Amino acid sequence: MLDNHQKNIATFIHLSTFSRFFIPFGNFIGPIVLWLANKDKSEFIDSNGKQIINFQISVFLYAIILGTLTIPFFIFKIFNGIDFIDFNGFESFHVNIGKPSPLLYIGGALGVIAVIGFIIELVLIIVASLKARDGQVYNYPLTINFLK
C-alpha cells in the first residue's frame, strides 16, 4: 500500500527535473540524487526514478542528434554567403545577403521541431508528476530504457 510520503517523493523526483532552469544539468542531478536516496524505500519510488532518469537521458540523446542535424545547415548557409576571394584586410570584406537557401529552411524546421519537443517534454513531466501523485507509474513515450 502506498502512503502519501511515497507519492510525494515520486512526484518530487519528476518535478526535480525543472531544477535545470537554475542549476546546470539539474534535470539529471535532481532526479538522480532523490532516486538514489529513496530507491530502497519503495518499489514505486524506484520505478518512478528509473522512468524519469531514462526519459531525461533519452531526451538528451535526441537533442544531440537534432543538434548535429540542425547546426550544419546554419553553418553552410553562413559560409555560403561570404565571399572569401575578395577578402583584402577588412576594407573589402563582403557578406552577400541574397535569397534564403533551402538549407536555411531545413535548419529552421529542425529548430521548430526542437522547440516543440521541449514543450512536449515539459508537458510529459507534468503529466508524470500528476500520475505519481495519484499513485501510478507513468511510462514516458519514446524512452530508451537504460535503467531497468
N, C-alpha and C. Protein backbone atom coordinates (compact mmCIF):
# COMPACT_ATOMS: atom_id res chain seq x y z
N MET A 1 0.83 -1.18 0.00
CA MET A 1 0.00 0.00 0.00
C MET A 1 0.88 1.25 0.00
N LEU A 2 0.57 2.16 -0.88
CA LEU A 2 1.33 3.40 -0.98
C LEU A 2 0.81 4.43 0.01
N ASP A 3 1.73 5.08 0.69
CA ASP A 3 1.32 6.18 1.55
C ASP A 3 1.64 7.51 0.85
N ASN A 4 1.19 8.58 1.44
CA ASN A 4 1.38 9.90 0.83
C ASN A 4 2.85 10.29 0.73
N HIS A 5 3.66 9.83 1.67
CA HIS A 5 5.09 10.15 1.63
C HIS A 5 5.74 9.58 0.38
N GLN A 6 5.43 8.34 0.05
CA GLN A 6 6.00 7.71 -1.14
C GLN A 6 5.51 8.41 -2.42
N LYS A 7 4.24 8.78 -2.45
CA LYS A 7 3.70 9.50 -3.60
C LYS A 7 4.36 10.86 -3.75
N ASN A 8 4.58 11.55 -2.64
CA ASN A 8 5.21 12.87 -2.68
C ASN A 8 6.66 12.78 -3.16
N ILE A 9 7.40 11.79 -2.69
CA ILE A 9 8.79 11.63 -3.13
C ILE A 9 8.84 11.35 -4.62
N ALA A 10 7.97 10.46 -5.09
CA ALA A 10 7.93 10.14 -6.53
C ALA A 10 7.56 11.38 -7.34
N THR A 11 6.63 12.17 -6.85
CA THR A 11 6.24 13.40 -7.54
C THR A 11 7.40 14.37 -7.59
N PHE A 12 8.11 14.54 -6.48
CA PHE A 12 9.24 15.45 -6.45
C PHE A 12 10.40 14.97 -7.31
N ILE A 13 10.54 13.66 -7.48
CA ILE A 13 11.58 13.15 -8.37
C ILE A 13 11.31 13.63 -9.80
N HIS A 14 10.05 13.55 -10.21
CA HIS A 14 9.70 14.04 -11.55
C HIS A 14 9.87 15.55 -11.64
N LEU A 15 9.38 16.27 -10.66
CA LEU A 15 9.43 17.73 -10.71
C LEU A 15 10.84 18.29 -10.53
N SER A 16 11.75 17.48 -9.98
CA SER A 16 13.12 17.96 -9.78
C SER A 16 13.84 18.20 -11.10
N THR A 17 13.30 17.71 -12.20
CA THR A 17 13.93 17.98 -13.50
C THR A 17 13.85 19.45 -13.87
N PHE A 18 12.91 20.19 -13.27
CA PHE A 18 12.80 21.62 -13.54
C PHE A 18 13.93 22.42 -12.89
N SER A 19 14.74 21.77 -12.07
CA SER A 19 15.88 22.46 -11.47
C SER A 19 16.93 22.82 -12.52
N ARG A 20 16.79 22.30 -13.73
CA ARG A 20 17.74 22.64 -14.79
C ARG A 20 17.65 24.12 -15.18
N PHE A 21 16.56 24.77 -14.82
CA PHE A 21 16.43 26.18 -15.11
C PHE A 21 17.24 27.04 -14.13
N PHE A 22 17.74 26.42 -13.06
CA PHE A 22 18.52 27.13 -12.05
C PHE A 22 19.93 26.56 -11.91
N ILE A 23 20.08 25.25 -12.15
CA ILE A 23 21.35 24.56 -11.95
C ILE A 23 21.70 23.85 -13.27
N PRO A 24 22.92 24.04 -13.78
CA PRO A 24 23.30 23.29 -14.98
C PRO A 24 23.21 21.78 -14.73
N PHE A 25 22.62 21.08 -15.67
CA PHE A 25 22.38 19.64 -15.59
C PHE A 25 21.54 19.25 -14.38
N GLY A 26 20.73 20.17 -13.89
CA GLY A 26 19.85 19.88 -12.77
C GLY A 26 18.79 18.86 -13.12
N ASN A 27 18.46 18.73 -14.42
CA ASN A 27 17.49 17.72 -14.82
C ASN A 27 18.04 16.31 -14.66
N PHE A 28 19.35 16.16 -14.51
CA PHE A 28 19.94 14.86 -14.21
C PHE A 28 20.27 14.75 -12.72
N ILE A 29 20.85 15.81 -12.17
CA ILE A 29 21.33 15.77 -10.79
C ILE A 29 20.17 15.61 -9.81
N GLY A 30 19.11 16.41 -9.97
CA GLY A 30 17.98 16.36 -9.04
C GLY A 30 17.33 14.99 -8.96
N PRO A 31 16.88 14.43 -10.09
CA PRO A 31 16.25 13.11 -10.01
C PRO A 31 17.19 12.01 -9.54
N ILE A 32 18.45 12.06 -9.94
CA ILE A 32 19.38 11.01 -9.52
C ILE A 32 19.61 11.05 -8.02
N VAL A 33 19.80 12.25 -7.46
CA VAL A 33 20.03 12.37 -6.01
C VAL A 33 18.80 11.88 -5.24
N LEU A 34 17.61 12.36 -5.64
CA LEU A 34 16.39 11.93 -4.93
C LEU A 34 16.14 10.44 -5.10
N TRP A 35 16.38 9.92 -6.29
CA TRP A 35 16.13 8.50 -6.54
C TRP A 35 17.11 7.63 -5.74
N LEU A 36 18.40 7.99 -5.76
CA LEU A 36 19.38 7.19 -5.03
C LEU A 36 19.13 7.22 -3.52
N ALA A 37 18.67 8.34 -3.01
CA ALA A 37 18.42 8.45 -1.57
C ALA A 37 17.18 7.69 -1.14
N ASN A 38 16.24 7.43 -2.07
CA ASN A 38 14.95 6.86 -1.67
C ASN A 38 14.58 5.58 -2.40
N LYS A 39 15.41 5.06 -3.28
CA LYS A 39 15.00 3.91 -4.10
C LYS A 39 14.78 2.63 -3.29
N ASP A 40 15.44 2.51 -2.16
CA ASP A 40 15.30 1.31 -1.34
C ASP A 40 14.06 1.35 -0.47
N LYS A 41 13.40 2.48 -0.37
CA LYS A 41 12.23 2.63 0.49
C LYS A 41 10.97 2.05 -0.12
N SER A 42 10.92 2.03 -1.47
CA SER A 42 9.68 1.60 -2.11
C SER A 42 9.95 1.24 -3.57
N GLU A 43 9.27 0.22 -4.04
CA GLU A 43 9.34 -0.15 -5.45
C GLU A 43 8.71 0.94 -6.32
N PHE A 44 7.70 1.61 -5.79
CA PHE A 44 7.03 2.69 -6.50
C PHE A 44 8.00 3.86 -6.75
N ILE A 45 8.74 4.23 -5.75
CA ILE A 45 9.73 5.31 -5.88
C ILE A 45 10.83 4.88 -6.84
N ASP A 46 11.27 3.64 -6.73
CA ASP A 46 12.32 3.11 -7.61
C ASP A 46 11.87 3.14 -9.07
N SER A 47 10.65 2.72 -9.34
CA SER A 47 10.12 2.70 -10.71
C SER A 47 10.00 4.11 -11.28
N ASN A 48 9.49 5.03 -10.50
CA ASN A 48 9.35 6.41 -10.96
C ASN A 48 10.72 7.05 -11.21
N GLY A 49 11.66 6.80 -10.34
CA GLY A 49 13.01 7.34 -10.51
C GLY A 49 13.67 6.84 -11.78
N LYS A 50 13.54 5.54 -12.03
CA LYS A 50 14.12 4.98 -13.25
C LYS A 50 13.45 5.55 -14.49
N GLN A 51 12.14 5.75 -14.44
CA GLN A 51 11.43 6.29 -15.59
C GLN A 51 11.91 7.70 -15.94
N ILE A 52 12.02 8.58 -14.95
CA ILE A 52 12.41 9.95 -15.25
C ILE A 52 13.87 10.04 -15.67
N ILE A 53 14.74 9.24 -15.08
CA ILE A 53 16.15 9.27 -15.47
C ILE A 53 16.30 8.74 -16.89
N ASN A 54 15.62 7.64 -17.21
CA ASN A 54 15.66 7.12 -18.58
C ASN A 54 15.12 8.15 -19.58
N PHE A 55 14.05 8.84 -19.19
CA PHE A 55 13.47 9.84 -20.08
C PHE A 55 14.42 11.00 -20.30
N GLN A 56 15.07 11.48 -19.25
CA GLN A 56 15.99 12.61 -19.40
C GLN A 56 17.21 12.23 -20.23
N ILE A 57 17.73 11.03 -20.06
CA ILE A 57 18.85 10.59 -20.88
C ILE A 57 18.42 10.47 -22.34
N SER A 58 17.22 9.93 -22.58
CA SER A 58 16.70 9.80 -23.94
C SER A 58 16.51 11.16 -24.60
N VAL A 59 15.94 12.12 -23.87
CA VAL A 59 15.74 13.46 -24.41
C VAL A 59 17.08 14.11 -24.72
N PHE A 60 18.07 13.89 -23.87
CA PHE A 60 19.40 14.44 -24.11
C PHE A 60 20.00 13.87 -25.40
N LEU A 61 19.86 12.57 -25.60
CA LEU A 61 20.36 11.94 -26.83
C LEU A 61 19.63 12.45 -28.06
N TYR A 62 18.31 12.60 -27.95
CA TYR A 62 17.54 13.14 -29.07
C TYR A 62 17.96 14.57 -29.39
N ALA A 63 18.25 15.36 -28.37
CA ALA A 63 18.69 16.74 -28.58
C ALA A 63 20.06 16.78 -29.26
N ILE A 64 20.93 15.88 -28.88
CA ILE A 64 22.25 15.81 -29.53
C ILE A 64 22.09 15.45 -31.00
N ILE A 65 21.25 14.49 -31.29
CA ILE A 65 21.01 14.09 -32.68
C ILE A 65 20.41 15.24 -33.47
N LEU A 66 19.41 15.89 -32.92
CA LEU A 66 18.76 17.01 -33.60
C LEU A 66 19.73 18.18 -33.79
N GLY A 67 20.58 18.42 -32.80
CA GLY A 67 21.57 19.48 -32.92
C GLY A 67 22.61 19.20 -33.98
N THR A 68 23.04 17.95 -34.08
CA THR A 68 24.03 17.61 -35.10
C THR A 68 23.42 17.69 -36.50
N LEU A 69 22.12 17.55 -36.58
CA LEU A 69 21.46 17.73 -37.88
C LEU A 69 21.21 19.19 -38.20
N THR A 70 20.90 20.00 -37.21
CA THR A 70 20.49 21.39 -37.42
C THR A 70 21.67 22.33 -37.63
N ILE A 71 22.68 22.25 -36.82
CA ILE A 71 23.78 23.21 -36.83
C ILE A 71 24.50 23.27 -38.19
N PRO A 72 24.78 22.14 -38.83
CA PRO A 72 25.47 22.25 -40.13
C PRO A 72 24.67 23.05 -41.18
N PHE A 73 23.36 23.00 -41.16
CA PHE A 73 22.57 23.75 -42.13
C PHE A 73 22.79 25.25 -41.97
N PHE A 74 22.85 25.73 -40.73
CA PHE A 74 23.08 27.15 -40.49
C PHE A 74 24.53 27.53 -40.84
N ILE A 75 25.49 26.67 -40.52
CA ILE A 75 26.89 26.97 -40.81
C ILE A 75 27.12 27.02 -42.31
N PHE A 76 26.55 26.05 -43.05
CA PHE A 76 26.72 26.06 -44.50
C PHE A 76 26.10 27.31 -45.12
N LYS A 77 24.98 27.76 -44.61
CA LYS A 77 24.33 28.95 -45.13
C LYS A 77 25.16 30.19 -44.83
N ILE A 78 25.72 30.28 -43.63
CA ILE A 78 26.53 31.45 -43.26
C ILE A 78 27.78 31.52 -44.13
N PHE A 79 28.50 30.40 -44.25
CA PHE A 79 29.74 30.40 -45.02
C PHE A 79 29.48 30.46 -46.52
N ASN A 80 28.31 30.09 -46.97
CA ASN A 80 27.96 30.17 -48.38
C ASN A 80 27.83 31.63 -48.81
N GLY A 81 27.39 32.51 -47.92
CA GLY A 81 27.18 33.90 -48.27
C GLY A 81 28.43 34.77 -48.18
N ILE A 82 29.53 34.26 -47.66
CA ILE A 82 30.74 35.05 -47.50
C ILE A 82 31.62 34.86 -48.74
N ASP A 83 32.07 35.95 -49.30
CA ASP A 83 32.92 35.92 -50.48
C ASP A 83 34.37 35.98 -50.01
N PHE A 84 35.04 34.83 -49.98
CA PHE A 84 36.40 34.77 -49.47
C PHE A 84 37.44 35.26 -50.47
N ILE A 85 37.10 35.26 -51.75
CA ILE A 85 38.07 35.65 -52.78
C ILE A 85 38.40 37.14 -52.69
N ASP A 86 37.43 37.97 -52.37
CA ASP A 86 37.63 39.41 -52.32
C ASP A 86 37.99 39.90 -50.92
N PHE A 87 38.50 39.06 -50.09
CA PHE A 87 38.85 39.47 -48.73
C PHE A 87 40.24 40.09 -48.74
N ASN A 88 40.31 41.41 -48.61
CA ASN A 88 41.58 42.14 -48.59
C ASN A 88 41.64 42.95 -47.30
N GLY A 89 42.15 42.36 -46.26
CA GLY A 89 42.12 43.03 -44.98
C GLY A 89 40.68 43.14 -44.54
N PHE A 90 40.34 44.21 -43.90
CA PHE A 90 38.95 44.41 -43.51
C PHE A 90 38.31 45.53 -44.33
N GLU A 91 39.00 45.98 -45.40
CA GLU A 91 38.42 47.05 -46.20
C GLU A 91 37.32 46.55 -47.13
N SER A 92 37.53 45.40 -47.74
CA SER A 92 36.57 44.93 -48.75
C SER A 92 36.00 43.56 -48.39
N PHE A 93 35.62 43.40 -47.17
CA PHE A 93 35.01 42.15 -46.72
C PHE A 93 33.53 42.19 -47.06
N HIS A 94 33.06 41.24 -47.83
CA HIS A 94 31.68 41.22 -48.31
C HIS A 94 30.91 40.08 -47.68
N VAL A 95 29.69 40.34 -47.32
CA VAL A 95 28.74 39.31 -46.93
C VAL A 95 27.54 39.50 -47.84
N ASN A 96 27.36 38.57 -48.74
CA ASN A 96 26.26 38.68 -49.70
C ASN A 96 24.99 38.13 -49.07
N ILE A 97 23.99 38.97 -48.95
CA ILE A 97 22.71 38.54 -48.42
C ILE A 97 21.75 38.45 -49.60
N GLY A 98 21.51 37.24 -50.00
CA GLY A 98 20.62 37.01 -51.13
C GLY A 98 19.35 36.35 -50.66
N LYS A 99 18.74 35.61 -51.54
CA LYS A 99 17.52 34.90 -51.16
C LYS A 99 17.85 33.75 -50.22
N PRO A 100 16.95 33.41 -49.35
CA PRO A 100 17.20 32.33 -48.39
C PRO A 100 17.41 30.99 -49.09
N SER A 101 18.33 30.24 -48.57
CA SER A 101 18.66 28.93 -49.12
C SER A 101 17.69 27.88 -48.58
N PRO A 102 17.45 26.83 -49.35
CA PRO A 102 16.66 25.72 -48.81
C PRO A 102 17.28 25.11 -47.56
N LEU A 103 18.61 25.20 -47.45
CA LEU A 103 19.27 24.70 -46.24
C LEU A 103 18.81 25.44 -45.00
N LEU A 104 18.59 26.74 -45.16
CA LEU A 104 18.12 27.54 -44.04
C LEU A 104 16.71 27.13 -43.63
N TYR A 105 15.87 26.82 -44.60
CA TYR A 105 14.52 26.36 -44.30
C TYR A 105 14.54 25.02 -43.58
N ILE A 106 15.41 24.13 -44.01
CA ILE A 106 15.52 22.81 -43.36
C ILE A 106 16.02 22.98 -41.93
N GLY A 107 17.05 23.79 -41.76
CA GLY A 107 17.58 24.05 -40.41
C GLY A 107 16.56 24.72 -39.52
N GLY A 108 15.80 25.66 -40.08
CA GLY A 108 14.75 26.33 -39.31
C GLY A 108 13.65 25.37 -38.91
N ALA A 109 13.28 24.46 -39.82
CA ALA A 109 12.25 23.47 -39.50
C ALA A 109 12.73 22.54 -38.38
N LEU A 110 13.99 22.15 -38.42
CA LEU A 110 14.53 21.31 -37.35
C LEU A 110 14.57 22.07 -36.03
N GLY A 111 14.83 23.38 -36.09
CA GLY A 111 14.79 24.20 -34.88
C GLY A 111 13.39 24.28 -34.30
N VAL A 112 12.39 24.40 -35.17
CA VAL A 112 10.99 24.41 -34.71
C VAL A 112 10.64 23.07 -34.07
N ILE A 113 11.12 21.98 -34.66
CA ILE A 113 10.89 20.66 -34.07
C ILE A 113 11.51 20.58 -32.68
N ALA A 114 12.69 21.17 -32.50
CA ALA A 114 13.34 21.17 -31.18
C ALA A 114 12.51 21.93 -30.16
N VAL A 115 11.95 23.07 -30.55
CA VAL A 115 11.12 23.86 -29.62
C VAL A 115 9.85 23.09 -29.26
N ILE A 116 9.22 22.48 -30.25
CA ILE A 116 8.02 21.68 -29.99
C ILE A 116 8.35 20.49 -29.08
N GLY A 117 9.50 19.86 -29.32
CA GLY A 117 9.93 18.76 -28.46
C GLY A 117 10.15 19.19 -27.03
N PHE A 118 10.70 20.39 -26.83
CA PHE A 118 10.91 20.93 -25.49
C PHE A 118 9.57 21.14 -24.78
N ILE A 119 8.60 21.68 -25.49
CA ILE A 119 7.28 21.91 -24.89
C ILE A 119 6.62 20.57 -24.55
N ILE A 120 6.74 19.60 -25.43
CA ILE A 120 6.17 18.27 -25.16
C ILE A 120 6.85 17.64 -23.96
N GLU A 121 8.17 17.82 -23.85
CA GLU A 121 8.90 17.29 -22.69
C GLU A 121 8.36 17.87 -21.39
N LEU A 122 8.14 19.18 -21.35
CA LEU A 122 7.62 19.82 -20.14
C LEU A 122 6.23 19.29 -19.80
N VAL A 123 5.38 19.13 -20.81
CA VAL A 123 4.03 18.61 -20.58
C VAL A 123 4.09 17.18 -20.05
N LEU A 124 4.95 16.34 -20.63
CA LEU A 124 5.05 14.95 -20.18
C LEU A 124 5.55 14.85 -18.74
N ILE A 125 6.47 15.73 -18.35
CA ILE A 125 6.96 15.73 -16.97
C ILE A 125 5.84 16.10 -16.01
N ILE A 126 5.03 17.08 -16.37
CA ILE A 126 3.91 17.47 -15.52
C ILE A 126 2.89 16.34 -15.42
N VAL A 127 2.59 15.69 -16.56
CA VAL A 127 1.65 14.56 -16.54
C VAL A 127 2.18 13.44 -15.66
N ALA A 128 3.47 13.13 -15.79
CA ALA A 128 4.06 12.06 -14.98
C ALA A 128 4.03 12.40 -13.49
N SER A 129 4.27 13.66 -13.16
CA SER A 129 4.23 14.03 -11.74
C SER A 129 2.81 13.94 -11.19
N LEU A 130 1.82 14.28 -12.00
CA LEU A 130 0.43 14.14 -11.56
C LEU A 130 0.05 12.67 -11.40
N LYS A 131 0.54 11.83 -12.29
CA LYS A 131 0.28 10.38 -12.16
C LYS A 131 0.95 9.83 -10.90
N ALA A 132 2.17 10.28 -10.62
CA ALA A 132 2.86 9.83 -9.41
C ALA A 132 2.13 10.29 -8.16
N ARG A 133 1.58 11.48 -8.20
CA ARG A 133 0.79 11.98 -7.07
C ARG A 133 -0.43 11.10 -6.82
N ASP A 134 -0.98 10.54 -7.92
CA ASP A 134 -2.14 9.67 -7.80
C ASP A 134 -1.78 8.21 -7.55
N GLY A 135 -0.48 7.91 -7.43
CA GLY A 135 -0.05 6.55 -7.12
C GLY A 135 0.17 5.66 -8.33
N GLN A 136 0.37 6.24 -9.50
CA GLN A 136 0.59 5.47 -10.72
C GLN A 136 1.99 5.74 -11.25
N VAL A 137 2.55 4.73 -11.92
CA VAL A 137 3.84 4.90 -12.59
C VAL A 137 3.55 5.26 -14.04
N TYR A 138 4.11 6.38 -14.50
CA TYR A 138 3.89 6.84 -15.87
C TYR A 138 5.06 6.39 -16.73
N ASN A 139 4.76 5.73 -17.83
CA ASN A 139 5.78 5.32 -18.79
C ASN A 139 5.88 6.38 -19.88
N TYR A 140 6.98 7.08 -19.91
CA TYR A 140 7.19 8.13 -20.90
C TYR A 140 7.28 7.52 -22.30
N PRO A 141 6.68 8.18 -23.29
CA PRO A 141 6.80 7.66 -24.66
C PRO A 141 8.19 7.93 -25.23
N LEU A 142 8.62 7.09 -26.18
CA LEU A 142 9.89 7.20 -26.88
C LEU A 142 11.09 7.22 -25.95
N THR A 143 10.99 6.49 -24.85
CA THR A 143 12.07 6.45 -23.87
C THR A 143 12.90 5.18 -24.06
N ILE A 144 14.20 5.35 -24.07
CA ILE A 144 15.13 4.21 -24.13
C ILE A 144 15.37 3.78 -22.69
N ASN A 145 15.18 2.51 -22.40
CA ASN A 145 15.34 2.02 -21.03
C ASN A 145 16.80 1.68 -20.74
N PHE A 146 17.52 2.64 -20.18
CA PHE A 146 18.90 2.43 -19.78
C PHE A 146 18.95 1.74 -18.43
N LEU A 147 18.10 2.19 -17.51
CA LEU A 147 17.98 1.58 -16.18
C LEU A 147 16.75 0.69 -16.19
N LYS A 148 16.92 -0.55 -15.84
CA LYS A 148 15.76 -1.47 -15.86
C LYS A 148 15.42 -1.94 -14.47
